[in-house]
N, C-alpha and C. Protein backbone atom coordinates (compact mmCIF):
# COMPACT_ATOMS: atom_id res chain seq x y z
N MET A 1 -7.85 -43.52 -4.64
CA MET A 1 -7.21 -43.29 -5.93
C MET A 1 -7.97 -42.17 -6.62
N THR A 2 -7.29 -41.20 -7.14
CA THR A 2 -7.90 -40.16 -7.95
C THR A 2 -7.21 -40.12 -9.30
N THR A 3 -8.00 -39.95 -10.32
CA THR A 3 -7.50 -39.94 -11.69
C THR A 3 -8.25 -38.88 -12.48
N ASP A 4 -7.56 -38.15 -13.33
CA ASP A 4 -8.20 -37.16 -14.18
C ASP A 4 -8.94 -37.88 -15.30
N LEU A 5 -10.25 -37.73 -15.34
CA LEU A 5 -11.07 -38.41 -16.34
C LEU A 5 -11.59 -37.47 -17.42
N THR A 6 -11.08 -36.25 -17.46
CA THR A 6 -11.60 -35.27 -18.42
C THR A 6 -11.34 -35.68 -19.87
N ARG A 7 -10.31 -36.45 -20.11
CA ARG A 7 -10.00 -36.88 -21.48
C ARG A 7 -10.29 -38.36 -21.70
N ALA A 8 -10.98 -38.97 -20.75
CA ALA A 8 -11.28 -40.40 -20.85
C ALA A 8 -12.20 -40.66 -22.04
N ARG A 9 -11.97 -41.77 -22.71
CA ARG A 9 -12.82 -42.20 -23.82
C ARG A 9 -13.74 -43.29 -23.30
N TRP A 10 -14.96 -42.93 -23.00
CA TRP A 10 -15.93 -43.85 -22.41
C TRP A 10 -16.55 -44.72 -23.49
N ARG A 11 -16.82 -45.97 -23.11
CA ARG A 11 -17.48 -46.89 -24.04
C ARG A 11 -18.42 -47.79 -23.27
N LYS A 12 -19.42 -48.30 -23.96
CA LYS A 12 -20.32 -49.26 -23.36
C LYS A 12 -20.37 -50.50 -24.23
N SER A 13 -20.90 -51.55 -23.71
CA SER A 13 -20.93 -52.82 -24.40
C SER A 13 -21.69 -52.73 -25.71
N THR A 14 -21.24 -53.47 -26.69
CA THR A 14 -21.99 -53.55 -27.95
C THR A 14 -23.31 -54.28 -27.74
N ALA A 15 -23.44 -55.01 -26.62
CA ALA A 15 -24.69 -55.70 -26.30
C ALA A 15 -25.70 -54.76 -25.65
N SER A 16 -25.32 -53.52 -25.41
CA SER A 16 -26.21 -52.54 -24.80
C SER A 16 -27.40 -52.30 -25.72
N VAL A 17 -28.60 -52.29 -25.14
CA VAL A 17 -29.79 -52.10 -25.96
C VAL A 17 -30.24 -50.65 -26.02
N GLY A 18 -29.51 -49.75 -25.41
CA GLY A 18 -29.81 -48.34 -25.52
C GLY A 18 -30.96 -47.85 -24.67
N ASN A 19 -31.33 -48.61 -23.65
CA ASN A 19 -32.44 -48.18 -22.79
C ASN A 19 -31.98 -47.28 -21.66
N GLY A 20 -30.72 -46.89 -21.66
CA GLY A 20 -30.21 -45.99 -20.64
C GLY A 20 -29.79 -46.65 -19.34
N GLU A 21 -29.86 -47.94 -19.28
CA GLU A 21 -29.48 -48.65 -18.06
C GLU A 21 -28.19 -49.43 -18.29
N CYS A 22 -27.13 -48.68 -18.53
CA CYS A 22 -25.85 -49.29 -18.85
C CYS A 22 -24.76 -48.68 -17.97
N VAL A 23 -23.67 -49.35 -17.95
CA VAL A 23 -22.47 -48.76 -17.38
C VAL A 23 -21.51 -48.52 -18.52
N GLU A 24 -20.64 -47.56 -18.34
CA GLU A 24 -19.61 -47.25 -19.31
C GLU A 24 -18.26 -47.42 -18.64
N VAL A 25 -17.28 -47.83 -19.40
CA VAL A 25 -15.93 -47.97 -18.87
C VAL A 25 -14.96 -47.14 -19.70
N ALA A 26 -13.90 -46.73 -19.05
CA ALA A 26 -12.82 -46.00 -19.72
C ALA A 26 -11.50 -46.55 -19.19
N PHE A 27 -10.61 -46.86 -20.09
CA PHE A 27 -9.28 -47.34 -19.72
C PHE A 27 -8.34 -46.14 -19.76
N VAL A 28 -7.85 -45.76 -18.62
CA VAL A 28 -6.97 -44.59 -18.47
C VAL A 28 -5.65 -45.06 -17.87
N PRO A 29 -4.61 -44.25 -17.90
CA PRO A 29 -3.34 -44.70 -17.34
C PRO A 29 -3.47 -45.17 -15.89
N ASN A 30 -3.06 -46.37 -15.65
CA ASN A 30 -3.02 -46.99 -14.32
C ASN A 30 -4.37 -47.23 -13.68
N ALA A 31 -5.47 -47.17 -14.44
CA ALA A 31 -6.78 -47.39 -13.84
C ALA A 31 -7.82 -47.73 -14.90
N VAL A 32 -8.92 -48.30 -14.42
CA VAL A 32 -10.11 -48.50 -15.24
C VAL A 32 -11.24 -47.79 -14.50
N ALA A 33 -11.95 -46.93 -15.19
CA ALA A 33 -13.05 -46.18 -14.59
C ALA A 33 -14.37 -46.74 -15.07
N MET A 34 -15.38 -46.71 -14.20
CA MET A 34 -16.72 -47.17 -14.54
C MET A 34 -17.72 -46.14 -14.04
N ARG A 35 -18.72 -45.85 -14.88
CA ARG A 35 -19.74 -44.89 -14.48
C ARG A 35 -21.10 -45.33 -15.00
N ASP A 36 -22.14 -44.72 -14.46
CA ASP A 36 -23.52 -44.96 -14.88
C ASP A 36 -23.78 -44.11 -16.12
N SER A 37 -24.22 -44.74 -17.19
CA SER A 37 -24.43 -43.99 -18.43
C SER A 37 -25.56 -42.97 -18.31
N LYS A 38 -26.47 -43.13 -17.35
CA LYS A 38 -27.54 -42.17 -17.15
C LYS A 38 -27.03 -40.90 -16.48
N ASP A 39 -25.86 -40.94 -15.87
CA ASP A 39 -25.32 -39.80 -15.14
C ASP A 39 -23.86 -39.59 -15.50
N PRO A 40 -23.58 -39.19 -16.75
CA PRO A 40 -22.19 -39.09 -17.20
C PRO A 40 -21.35 -38.05 -16.46
N THR A 41 -21.99 -37.11 -15.79
CA THR A 41 -21.22 -36.13 -15.03
C THR A 41 -21.12 -36.51 -13.56
N GLY A 42 -21.73 -37.63 -13.20
CA GLY A 42 -21.70 -38.08 -11.82
C GLY A 42 -20.40 -38.79 -11.48
N PRO A 43 -20.38 -39.44 -10.33
CA PRO A 43 -19.14 -40.09 -9.89
C PRO A 43 -18.80 -41.32 -10.73
N ALA A 44 -17.54 -41.66 -10.70
CA ALA A 44 -17.05 -42.87 -11.38
C ALA A 44 -16.31 -43.72 -10.35
N LEU A 45 -16.42 -45.02 -10.51
CA LEU A 45 -15.64 -45.94 -9.69
C LEU A 45 -14.32 -46.17 -10.39
N LEU A 46 -13.26 -46.25 -9.63
CA LEU A 46 -11.93 -46.49 -10.20
C LEU A 46 -11.38 -47.82 -9.70
N PHE A 47 -10.81 -48.57 -10.60
CA PHE A 47 -10.22 -49.88 -10.29
C PHE A 47 -8.79 -49.93 -10.81
N THR A 48 -7.95 -50.65 -10.11
CA THR A 48 -6.62 -50.90 -10.65
C THR A 48 -6.77 -51.90 -11.80
N PRO A 49 -5.80 -51.98 -12.69
CA PRO A 49 -5.89 -52.97 -13.75
C PRO A 49 -6.04 -54.40 -13.21
N GLY A 50 -5.37 -54.71 -12.10
CA GLY A 50 -5.49 -56.04 -11.50
C GLY A 50 -6.90 -56.31 -10.98
N GLU A 51 -7.50 -55.32 -10.35
CA GLU A 51 -8.87 -55.48 -9.85
C GLU A 51 -9.84 -55.68 -11.02
N TRP A 52 -9.67 -54.90 -12.08
CA TRP A 52 -10.55 -55.02 -13.24
C TRP A 52 -10.39 -56.39 -13.89
N SER A 53 -9.17 -56.86 -13.99
CA SER A 53 -8.92 -58.17 -14.57
C SER A 53 -9.58 -59.27 -13.74
N ALA A 54 -9.46 -59.19 -12.43
CA ALA A 54 -10.10 -60.19 -11.56
C ALA A 54 -11.62 -60.14 -11.71
N PHE A 55 -12.19 -58.95 -11.80
CA PHE A 55 -13.63 -58.81 -11.97
C PHE A 55 -14.10 -59.42 -13.29
N THR A 56 -13.44 -59.05 -14.40
CA THR A 56 -13.88 -59.57 -15.69
C THR A 56 -13.67 -61.08 -15.80
N ARG A 57 -12.63 -61.58 -15.17
CA ARG A 57 -12.41 -63.03 -15.14
C ARG A 57 -13.55 -63.70 -14.37
N GLY A 58 -13.96 -63.11 -13.25
CA GLY A 58 -15.07 -63.65 -12.47
C GLY A 58 -16.37 -63.66 -13.25
N VAL A 59 -16.60 -62.60 -14.03
CA VAL A 59 -17.81 -62.56 -14.86
C VAL A 59 -17.76 -63.68 -15.89
N GLN A 60 -16.64 -63.84 -16.56
CA GLN A 60 -16.51 -64.88 -17.58
C GLN A 60 -16.64 -66.28 -17.00
N ASP A 61 -16.19 -66.46 -15.77
CA ASP A 61 -16.25 -67.76 -15.14
C ASP A 61 -17.60 -68.04 -14.47
N GLY A 62 -18.53 -67.08 -14.51
CA GLY A 62 -19.84 -67.27 -13.91
C GLY A 62 -19.87 -67.10 -12.41
N GLU A 63 -18.85 -66.48 -11.85
CA GLU A 63 -18.74 -66.32 -10.42
C GLU A 63 -19.92 -65.52 -9.83
N PHE A 64 -20.52 -64.65 -10.61
CA PHE A 64 -21.57 -63.79 -10.11
C PHE A 64 -22.97 -64.22 -10.56
N ASP A 65 -23.06 -65.35 -11.25
CA ASP A 65 -24.36 -65.84 -11.69
C ASP A 65 -25.18 -66.28 -10.48
N ARG A 66 -26.45 -66.15 -10.61
CA ARG A 66 -27.33 -66.59 -9.50
C ARG A 66 -27.55 -68.07 -9.55
């Protein structure tokens, strides 16, 4: 999947403590993009809305907790 991210509005969690170790997400048409906040010009991962929904549901349900 390729998506033009030049006009993407990136955001990070309000829980971010500003130490530079965050991810940022952008909701763009037909995709959700994620990137490393330390490397804003680097690569971004792209997810379909369904994939992003499944991921965030898993986080909320504790699926990835140790």
